[in-house]
């Protein structure tokens, strides 16, 4: 599986780890070069999670 660059942000309001993830931070402060929504759910985080 391809690695996702660290400057890709995420907007996923239901992800269990959204408040711990650097991707959510850069999406909110608009420093991400691109914004996607990864597969985190209410019970698990996605495989693209980056600790903030």
Protein backbone atom coordinates (compact mmCIF):
# COMPACT_ATOMS: atom_id res chain seq x y z
CA UNK A 1 0.00 0.00 0.00
CA UNK A 2 1.25 3.45 -0.87
CA UNK A 3 2.28 5.77 1.95
CA UNK A 4 0.21 8.97 2.25
CA UNK A 5 2.34 12.16 2.51
CA UNK A 6 2.23 13.91 5.88
CA UNK A 7 0.86 17.14 4.38
CA UNK A 8 -2.45 15.52 3.35
CA UNK A 9 -5.13 16.59 5.81
CA UNK A 10 -8.28 14.74 6.84
CA UNK A 11 -11.80 15.86 7.61
CA UNK A 12 -13.54 12.93 9.25
CA UNK A 13 -15.98 14.02 11.95
CA UNK A 14 -16.70 10.47 13.18
CA UNK A 15 -13.15 9.08 13.52
CA UNK A 16 -12.34 7.92 17.08
CA UNK A 17 -8.86 9.48 16.83
CA UNK A 18 -9.80 12.79 15.18
CA UNK A 19 -8.69 14.87 18.19
CA UNK A 20 -5.30 13.09 18.35
CA UNK A 21 -4.46 13.21 14.65
CA UNK A 22 -2.15 15.70 12.93
CA UNK A 23 -4.10 15.28 9.69
CA UNK A 24 -7.22 16.77 11.32
CA UNK A 25 -5.19 19.70 12.69
CA UNK A 26 -3.69 20.67 9.33
CA UNK A 27 -7.10 20.35 7.65
CA UNK A 28 -8.67 22.73 10.20
CA UNK A 29 -5.87 25.32 10.11
CA UNK A 30 -5.73 25.13 6.29
CA UNK A 31 -2.03 24.21 6.03
CA UNK A 32 -2.73 20.89 4.28
CA UNK A 33 -1.93 20.86 0.57
CA UNK A 34 -4.87 18.53 0.02
CA UNK A 35 -7.75 17.31 2.19
CA UNK A 36 -9.19 13.82 2.06
CA UNK A 37 -11.36 11.70 4.31
CA UNK A 38 -9.73 8.50 5.47
CA UNK A 39 -11.49 5.43 6.84
CA UNK A 40 -11.60 6.05 10.58
CA UNK A 41 -14.83 5.13 12.35
CA UNK A 42 -16.41 5.63 15.77
CA UNK A 43 -14.61 2.50 16.97
CA UNK A 44 -11.23 2.59 15.16
CA UNK A 45 -8.73 4.96 13.59
CA UNK A 46 -7.60 4.73 9.99
CA UNK A 47 -4.29 3.39 8.74
CA UNK A 48 -3.17 6.93 7.76
CA UNK A 49 -3.21 8.33 11.33
CA UNK A 50 -0.34 10.63 12.39
CA UNK A 51 0.08 11.43 16.10
CA UNK A 52 0.04 15.20 16.71
